């Protein structure tokens, strides 16, 4: 299969991609096409590649030093991208978003406390509260034909009346690709302030707004600063997950005090290459990101057409953000039967829906951040696997 570079960011041939040693390409047998974890097949952005190459050539492989460069780079990007003027000095570096969430929960919880999440959601959301010593309460997203998936504010108020230790927000929401509206976020903040519930917002996919979508950083919502912190990273938008760098952002003395309870050594666990790559992404990677978003928007449209023509029994709501398709395959089976069907019969790996909560029964999550050719091959194989 030739490299695909005719309609956006280039993708190497499948044979070349299989030489990669990341989890996406090493989890399954060599004859399986993986469209699983949130890792893109595009070539790395040149400013990031050049910054990393320069560090290696200078043998600059020591401990990471994220202050003040990480905060300054993130602040510049946030203001240009979202008109969000954050304080660079209020940026606390952590290894990754998951580590940041767990450390924040440890700073907030007391024995017996509860943490609220809204499935279907990124699988680690189910484990992070337990890792920090809290109980889990699920308040699923609501769903209707007009609005699609959205926050169930009435159910969240019922949960907040019990004064949980925190609510973990996923914005944009993985796996359904929902970008929560400003009105929704304003209502959420009002509830959090009324009942004294801290909000921890995972905004790792924030740079990945597809055509027609607008991201609202939670901390730009009036009143959010007093109850919320946000976590951001360049890892999803520029494919840097293996380099380990993320940021916690606070915007009030009250929430900064929560962040300050994180052990100081957490800063030293950040990846030096992660800092270098992240700063390069935020400072010089926007032209690449714009091309990436154009490419992903095309892939989303291509996937919609492929599903309609070759897998008409599979339904979906095209995501407003991310490069992840949440496919309703309940016509093919319940639980994780569709994922197993596609894996065993089509040799195409997708993420099983139940990993994202009970509402994921009969669903799969498909990563479309690849070439048109690979996407075409995958959907054709999946269509031939149908009973």
Protein backbone atom coordinates (compact mmCIF):
# COMPACT_ATOMS: atom_id res chain seq x y z
CA UNK A 1 0.00 0.00 0.00
CA UNK A 2 1.61 3.34 -0.99
CA UNK A 3 2.05 6.21 1.42
CA UNK A 4 -0.97 8.53 1.53
CA UNK A 5 -0.08 12.22 1.27
CA UNK A 6 -2.49 13.50 -1.36
CA UNK A 7 -5.16 14.88 0.94
CA UNK A 8 -3.49 16.26 4.04
CA UNK A 9 -0.90 14.98 6.44
CA UNK A 10 1.14 12.08 5.06
CA UNK A 11 0.78 8.53 6.34
CA UNK A 12 3.41 5.92 5.63
CA UNK A 13 2.57 2.57 4.13
CA UNK A 14 1.07 -0.07 6.37
CA UNK A 15 4.30 -2.04 6.09
CA UNK A 16 6.25 0.92 7.45
CA UNK A 17 3.72 1.60 10.18
CA UNK A 18 4.06 -1.97 11.41
CA UNK A 19 7.73 -1.23 12.21
CA UNK A 20 6.64 1.12 14.99
CA UNK A 21 7.13 -0.23 18.51
CA UNK A 22 4.33 1.58 20.36
CA UNK A 23 1.45 -0.26 22.04
CA UNK A 24 -0.86 0.33 19.11
CA UNK A 25 1.37 -1.73 16.82
CA UNK A 26 2.62 -4.32 19.34
CA UNK A 27 -0.60 -5.39 21.10
CA UNK A 28 -2.06 -7.57 18.34
CA UNK A 29 -0.77 -10.20 15.95
CA UNK A 30 0.95 -8.88 12.81
CA UNK A 31 -2.02 -9.72 10.59
CA UNK A 32 -4.37 -7.49 12.61
CA UNK A 33 -4.99 -3.88 11.56
CA UNK A 34 -5.15 -1.80 14.79
CA UNK A 35 -7.58 1.12 14.94
CA UNK A 36 -7.50 1.22 18.71
CA UNK A 37 -5.66 3.48 21.14
CA UNK A 38 -5.53 7.25 20.64
CA UNK A 39 -2.38 7.32 18.55
CA UNK A 40 -2.31 8.86 15.09
CA UNK A 41 -0.55 7.40 12.07
CA UNK A 42 0.62 10.78 10.77
CA UNK A 43 4.26 11.79 10.56
CA UNK A 44 5.44 13.85 13.51
CA UNK A 45 5.34 17.64 13.21
CA UNK A 46 8.64 19.02 11.91
CA UNK A 47 9.21 21.56 14.73
CA UNK A 48 8.87 18.75 17.28
CA UNK A 49 11.12 16.41 15.33
CA UNK A 50 13.75 19.13 14.96
CA UNK A 51 13.64 20.05 18.65
CA UNK A 52 14.07 16.42 19.72
CA UNK A 53 16.83 15.78 17.20
CA UNK A 54 18.67 18.87 18.38
CA UNK A 55 18.48 17.70 22.00
CA UNK A 56 19.84 14.26 21.12
CA UNK A 57 22.67 15.73 19.05
CA UNK A 58 23.66 17.87 22.05
CA UNK A 59 23.34 14.88 24.42
CA UNK A 60 20.69 16.89 26.25
CA UNK A 61 19.09 13.91 27.94
CA UNK A 62 18.98 14.92 31.60
CA UNK A 63 16.17 15.72 34.00
CA UNK A 64 13.22 17.78 32.80
CA UNK A 65 13.01 21.47 33.74
CA UNK A 66 9.46 22.55 32.86
CA UNK A 67 9.38 25.90 34.67
CA UNK A 68 8.80 28.50 33.35
CA UNK A 69 8.86 27.39 29.72
CA UNK A 70 5.91 24.98 29.87
CA UNK A 71 3.54 27.51 31.42
CA UNK A 72 4.60 30.24 29.01
CA UNK A 73 4.18 28.01 25.97
CA UNK A 74 0.77 26.74 27.10
CA UNK A 75 -0.43 30.25 27.94
CA UNK A 76 0.54 31.54 24.51
CA UNK A 77 -1.21 28.66 22.76
CA UNK A 78 -4.36 28.99 24.91
CA UNK A 79 -4.69 32.70 24.21
CA UNK A 80 -4.19 32.30 20.46
CA UNK A 81 -6.43 29.27 20.17
CA UNK A 82 -9.22 29.92 22.67
CA UNK A 83 -8.74 33.54 23.81
CA UNK A 84 -8.00 32.13 27.26
CA UNK A 85 -5.53 34.22 29.24
CA UNK A 86 -4.16 31.83 31.83
CA UNK A 87 -1.41 32.62 34.29
CA UNK A 88 1.80 30.83 33.24
CA UNK A 89 2.79 30.71 36.90
CA UNK A 90 -0.35 28.71 37.69
CA UNK A 91 0.76 25.81 35.49
CA UNK A 92 1.93 22.75 37.46
CA UNK A 93 3.73 20.09 35.43
CA UNK A 94 2.90 16.39 35.82
CA UNK A 95 3.89 13.21 34.03
CA UNK A 96 0.56 12.81 32.27
CA UNK A 97 -3.10 13.67 32.70
CA UNK A 98 -3.87 10.44 34.54
CA UNK A 99 -1.15 11.05 37.11
CA UNK A 100 -2.41 14.60 37.53
CA UNK A 101 -5.99 13.46 38.15
CA UNK A 102 -4.95 10.87 40.74
CA UNK A 103 -2.72 13.33 42.59
CA UNK A 104 -5.50 15.93 42.65
CA UNK A 105 -7.95 13.35 43.98
CA UNK A 106 -5.49 12.37 46.71
CA UNK A 107 -5.35 16.02 47.69
CA UNK A 108 -9.16 16.28 47.84
CA UNK A 109 -10.56 13.02 49.20
CA UNK A 110 -11.12 11.74 52.70
CA UNK A 111 -11.85 8.10 53.66
CA UNK A 112 -15.21 7.04 52.31
CA UNK A 113 -15.53 9.92 49.85
CA UNK A 114 -17.13 9.48 46.44
CA UNK A 115 -16.00 10.70 43.04
CA UNK A 116 -18.54 11.17 40.23
CA UNK A 117 -17.97 10.41 36.53
CA UNK A 118 -20.22 10.42 33.47
CA UNK A 119 -19.92 7.35 31.21
CA UNK A 120 -19.43 6.46 28.46
CA UNK A 121 -16.00 7.85 29.17
CA UNK A 122 -12.29 7.15 28.85
CA UNK A 123 -11.66 3.82 30.66
CA UNK A 124 -9.12 5.08 33.25
CA UNK A 125 -11.85 7.33 34.70
CA UNK A 126 -13.22 4.17 36.30
CA UNK A 127 -9.88 3.33 37.95
CA UNK A 128 -8.51 6.73 38.99
CA UNK A 129 -10.88 7.24 41.98
CA UNK A 130 -10.04 3.79 43.38
CA UNK A 131 -6.32 4.46 42.91
CA UNK A 132 -6.73 7.58 45.03
CA UNK A 133 -8.82 5.73 47.66
CA UNK A 134 -12.32 6.95 46.74
CA UNK A 135 -15.59 5.25 45.87
CA UNK A 136 -17.05 5.67 42.37
CA UNK A 137 -20.48 6.99 41.44
CA UNK A 138 -21.60 6.91 37.83
CA UNK A 139 -23.95 9.53 36.42
CA UNK A 140 -24.20 8.56 32.75
CA UNK A 141 -24.49 11.06 29.95
CA UNK A 142 -28.00 11.66 28.69
CA UNK A 143 -28.79 10.94 25.05
CA UNK A 144 -31.44 12.04 22.61
CA UNK A 145 -31.77 12.20 18.85
CA UNK A 146 -31.54 16.00 18.69
CA UNK A 147 -28.65 16.80 21.05
CA UNK A 148 -26.89 13.46 21.01
CA UNK A 149 -24.84 12.72 24.10
CA UNK A 150 -24.80 15.48 26.75
CA UNK A 151 -24.39 16.06 30.46
CA UNK A 152 -27.38 14.95 32.52
CA UNK A 153 -27.51 18.05 34.72
CA UNK A 154 -30.54 16.94 36.71
CA UNK A 155 -28.90 13.64 37.62
CA UNK A 156 -25.64 15.44 38.41
CA UNK A 157 -27.47 17.72 40.83
CA UNK A 158 -28.87 14.67 42.61
CA UNK A 159 -25.32 13.31 42.92
CA UNK A 160 -23.86 16.66 44.01
CA UNK A 161 -26.40 16.88 46.85
CA UNK A 162 -24.46 14.03 48.44
CA UNK A 163 -21.33 16.21 48.45
CA UNK A 164 -18.87 13.99 46.57
CA UNK A 165 -15.17 14.77 46.80
CA UNK A 166 -15.00 15.70 43.11
CA UNK A 167 -16.56 15.41 39.68
CA UNK A 168 -14.31 14.30 36.82
CA UNK A 169 -15.30 16.04 33.60
CA UNK A 170 -14.12 14.84 30.20
CA UNK A 171 -14.20 17.78 27.78
CA UNK A 172 -14.25 16.98 24.90
CA UNK A 173 -15.85 13.69 25.88
CA UNK A 174 -13.97 10.54 24.90
CA UNK A 175 -15.30 8.28 23.29
CA UNK A 176 -18.44 10.04 22.00
CA UNK A 177 -16.66 13.15 20.67
CA UNK A 178 -19.02 15.55 22.44
CA UNK A 179 -17.82 19.14 22.94
CA UNK A 180 -19.79 20.37 25.93
CA UNK A 181 -21.42 23.73 25.25
CA UNK A 182 -20.76 26.91 27.22
CA UNK A 183 -24.34 26.80 28.51
CA UNK A 184 -23.83 23.26 29.81
CA UNK A 185 -20.55 24.19 31.46
CA UNK A 186 -22.07 27.29 33.06
CA UNK A 187 -24.85 25.14 34.51
CA UNK A 188 -22.30 22.60 35.75
CA UNK A 189 -20.28 25.33 37.46
CA UNK A 190 -23.40 26.68 39.15
CA UNK A 191 -24.14 23.23 40.53
CA UNK A 192 -20.56 22.76 41.68
CA UNK A 193 -20.56 26.11 43.48
CA UNK A 194 -23.96 25.49 45.06
CA UNK A 195 -22.97 22.13 46.52
CA UNK A 196 -19.25 22.73 47.03
CA UNK A 197 -18.08 20.05 44.58
CA UNK A 198 -14.60 20.48 43.04
CA UNK A 199 -14.41 19.97 39.28
CA UNK A 200 -11.42 18.28 37.63
CA UNK A 201 -11.59 18.80 33.87
CA UNK A 202 -9.65 16.49 31.55
CA UNK A 203 -9.14 18.68 28.47
CA UNK A 204 -6.49 16.57 26.77
CA UNK A 205 -8.41 16.52 23.46
CA UNK A 206 -9.11 20.26 23.52
CA UNK A 207 -6.86 21.12 20.54
CA UNK A 208 -8.67 18.54 18.39
CA UNK A 209 -11.74 20.54 17.36
CA UNK A 210 -12.99 19.29 14.01
CA UNK A 211 -14.67 21.52 11.43
CA UNK A 212 -17.67 23.30 12.93
CA UNK A 213 -16.76 22.83 16.63
CA UNK A 214 -15.71 25.39 19.25
CA UNK A 215 -13.98 24.49 22.51
CA UNK A 216 -14.80 26.25 25.78
CA UNK A 217 -12.06 25.88 28.42
CA UNK A 218 -13.81 25.24 31.72
CA UNK A 219 -11.75 27.89 33.51
CA UNK A 220 -13.10 30.58 31.16
CA UNK A 221 -16.62 30.00 32.51
CA UNK A 222 -17.66 32.59 35.11
CA UNK A 223 -17.19 31.25 38.64
CA UNK A 224 -15.26 28.15 37.54
CA UNK A 225 -11.95 29.38 38.95
CA UNK A 226 -13.20 28.93 42.52
CA UNK A 227 -14.14 25.27 42.09
CA UNK A 228 -12.21 23.87 39.13
CA UNK A 229 -8.83 22.88 37.77
CA UNK A 230 -8.04 21.79 34.23
CA UNK A 231 -5.54 19.32 32.84
CA UNK A 232 -4.06 19.76 29.37
CA UNK A 233 -1.37 18.14 27.26
CA UNK A 234 -0.01 18.14 23.74
CA UNK A 235 0.05 14.35 23.74
CA UNK A 236 -3.16 13.63 21.82
CA UNK A 237 -3.07 16.51 19.33
CA UNK A 238 0.60 16.05 18.35
CA UNK A 239 1.00 12.32 19.10
CA UNK A 240 3.40 12.68 22.04
CA UNK A 241 1.94 10.26 24.59
CA UNK A 242 5.19 8.36 25.03
CA UNK A 243 7.14 11.47 26.03
CA UNK A 244 5.23 12.12 29.27
CA UNK A 245 4.34 15.75 29.82
CA UNK A 246 1.08 17.35 30.97
CA UNK A 247 -0.07 20.40 32.88
CA UNK A 248 -2.50 21.19 35.68
CA UNK A 249 -3.93 24.71 35.46
CA UNK A 250 -5.59 26.57 38.34
CA UNK A 251 -7.03 30.07 38.37
CA UNK A 252 -7.72 30.94 42.01
CA UNK A 253 -5.86 30.81 45.32
CA UNK A 254 -8.37 28.28 46.59
CA UNK A 255 -7.72 25.74 43.84
CA UNK A 256 -4.02 26.56 43.70
CA UNK A 257 -3.90 25.45 47.34
CA UNK A 258 -5.26 22.06 46.24
CA UNK A 259 -2.61 21.78 43.52
CA UNK A 260 0.09 22.77 46.02
CA UNK A 261 -0.76 19.68 48.09
CA UNK A 262 0.60 17.48 45.30
CA UNK A 263 4.02 16.11 46.35
CA UNK A 264 6.77 18.41 45.03
CA UNK A 265 8.69 15.47 43.56
CA UNK A 266 5.85 14.98 41.05
CA UNK A 267 7.49 17.71 38.97
CA UNK A 268 10.69 15.67 38.68
CA UNK A 269 8.84 12.70 37.18
CA UNK A 270 8.07 14.57 33.99
CA UNK A 271 9.90 13.55 30.82
CA UNK A 272 12.63 15.93 29.64
CA UNK A 273 11.89 15.09 26.01
CA UNK A 274 8.23 15.57 26.84
CA UNK A 275 8.88 19.16 27.92
CA UNK A 276 10.97 19.86 24.83
CA UNK A 277 8.37 18.38 22.47
CA UNK A 278 5.43 20.02 24.22
CA UNK A 279 6.97 23.47 24.14
CA UNK A 280 7.78 23.02 20.45
CA UNK A 281 4.19 21.92 19.79
CA UNK A 282 2.57 24.83 21.60
CA UNK A 283 4.98 27.44 20.25
CA UNK A 284 5.58 26.28 16.67
CA UNK A 285 3.19 23.40 15.98
CA UNK A 286 -0.02 25.20 15.07
CA UNK A 287 0.47 25.09 11.27
CA UNK A 288 0.87 21.31 11.53
CA UNK A 289 -2.14 21.11 13.86
CA UNK A 290 -4.28 23.04 11.39
CA UNK A 291 -3.34 20.58 8.65
CA UNK A 292 -4.05 17.72 11.02
CA UNK A 293 -7.54 19.03 11.80
CA UNK A 294 -8.30 19.47 8.12
CA UNK A 295 -7.17 15.90 7.50
CA UNK A 296 -9.18 14.51 10.41
CA UNK A 297 -12.30 16.37 9.32
CA UNK A 298 -11.95 14.73 5.90
CA UNK A 299 -11.44 11.32 7.49
CA UNK A 300 -14.56 11.81 9.57
CA UNK A 301 -16.54 12.52 6.40
CA UNK A 302 -14.97 9.55 4.62
CA UNK A 303 -15.80 7.27 7.53
CA UNK A 304 -19.41 8.47 7.47
CA UNK A 305 -19.68 7.56 3.79
CA UNK A 306 -17.98 4.19 4.24
CA UNK A 307 -20.27 3.25 7.11
CA UNK A 308 -23.38 4.31 5.20
CA UNK A 309 -22.48 2.31 2.10
CA UNK A 310 -20.73 -0.75 3.55
CA UNK A 311 -21.91 -1.08 7.15
CA UNK A 312 -25.46 0.31 7.10
CA UNK A 313 -26.44 -1.67 10.21
CA UNK A 314 -23.83 0.32 12.18
CA UNK A 315 -24.92 3.78 13.29
CA UNK A 316 -23.00 6.67 14.78
CA UNK A 317 -23.06 10.38 15.48
CA UNK A 318 -19.98 11.96 13.86
CA UNK A 319 -17.76 13.43 16.58
CA UNK A 320 -17.33 17.18 16.95
CA UNK A 321 -13.83 16.61 18.31
CA UNK A 322 -11.12 13.94 18.59
CA UNK A 323 -10.34 11.32 15.95
CA UNK A 324 -12.40 8.61 17.59
CA UNK A 325 -15.62 7.21 16.20
CA UNK A 326 -18.17 5.76 18.65
CA UNK A 327 -19.97 3.13 16.60
CA UNK A 328 -23.32 1.66 17.62
CA UNK A 329 -23.09 -1.97 16.52
CA UNK A 330 -25.93 -3.30 18.67
CA UNK A 331 -27.54 -4.77 15.55
CA UNK A 332 -24.57 -7.15 15.47
CA UNK A 333 -24.60 -8.20 19.12
CA UNK A 334 -24.44 -7.06 22.71
CA UNK A 335 -21.61 -6.56 25.20
CA UNK A 336 -18.29 -6.87 23.33
CA UNK A 337 -19.55 -9.25 20.63
CA UNK A 338 -19.12 -6.71 17.77
CA UNK A 339 -15.52 -5.98 18.75
CA UNK A 340 -14.77 -9.71 18.87
CA UNK A 341 -16.48 -10.23 15.50
CA UNK A 342 -14.38 -7.54 13.81
CA UNK A 343 -11.19 -8.82 15.44
CA UNK A 344 -11.67 -12.51 14.70
CA UNK A 345 -13.31 -12.32 11.27
CA UNK A 346 -12.02 -9.06 9.80
CA UNK A 347 -8.65 -8.88 11.58
CA UNK A 348 -9.45 -5.27 12.51
CA UNK A 349 -8.91 -4.26 16.14
CA UNK A 350 -11.21 -1.66 17.69
CA UNK A 351 -11.75 -0.74 21.33
CA UNK A 352 -14.56 -2.75 22.99
CA UNK A 353 -17.44 -0.55 24.09
CA UNK A 354 -17.80 -1.99 27.58
CA UNK A 355 -14.41 -0.53 28.51
CA UNK A 356 -16.19 2.84 28.50
CA UNK A 357 -19.05 1.77 30.76
CA UNK A 358 -22.27 -0.24 30.63
CA UNK A 359 -23.72 2.08 27.96
CA UNK A 360 -20.97 0.80 25.69
CA UNK A 361 -22.60 -2.60 25.28
CA UNK A 362 -22.72 -3.41 21.59
CA UNK A 363 -20.47 -0.46 20.68
CA UNK A 364 -16.89 -0.12 19.49
CA UNK A 365 -14.54 2.85 19.38
CA UNK A 366 -12.64 3.23 16.12
CA UNK A 367 -9.58 5.44 15.61
CA UNK A 368 -9.78 7.15 12.19
CA UNK A 369 -6.50 9.10 12.43
CA UNK A 370 -4.95 7.20 9.55
CA UNK A 371 -4.86 7.27 5.76
CA UNK A 372 -7.85 7.08 3.45
CA UNK A 373 -6.48 3.82 2.09
CA UNK A 374 -6.13 2.15 5.47
CA UNK A 375 -9.58 3.32 6.54
CA UNK A 376 -11.04 1.94 3.32
CA UNK A 377 -9.32 -1.43 3.81
CA UNK A 378 -10.53 -1.64 7.41
CA UNK A 379 -14.18 -0.90 6.72
CA UNK A 380 -14.23 -3.23 3.72
CA UNK A 381 -12.84 -6.04 5.88
CA UNK A 382 -15.37 -5.28 8.63
CA UNK A 383 -18.21 -5.39 6.12
CA UNK A 384 -17.12 -8.81 4.86
CA UNK A 385 -17.11 -10.10 8.44
CA UNK A 386 -20.83 -9.50 8.90
CA UNK A 387 -22.90 -12.65 9.38
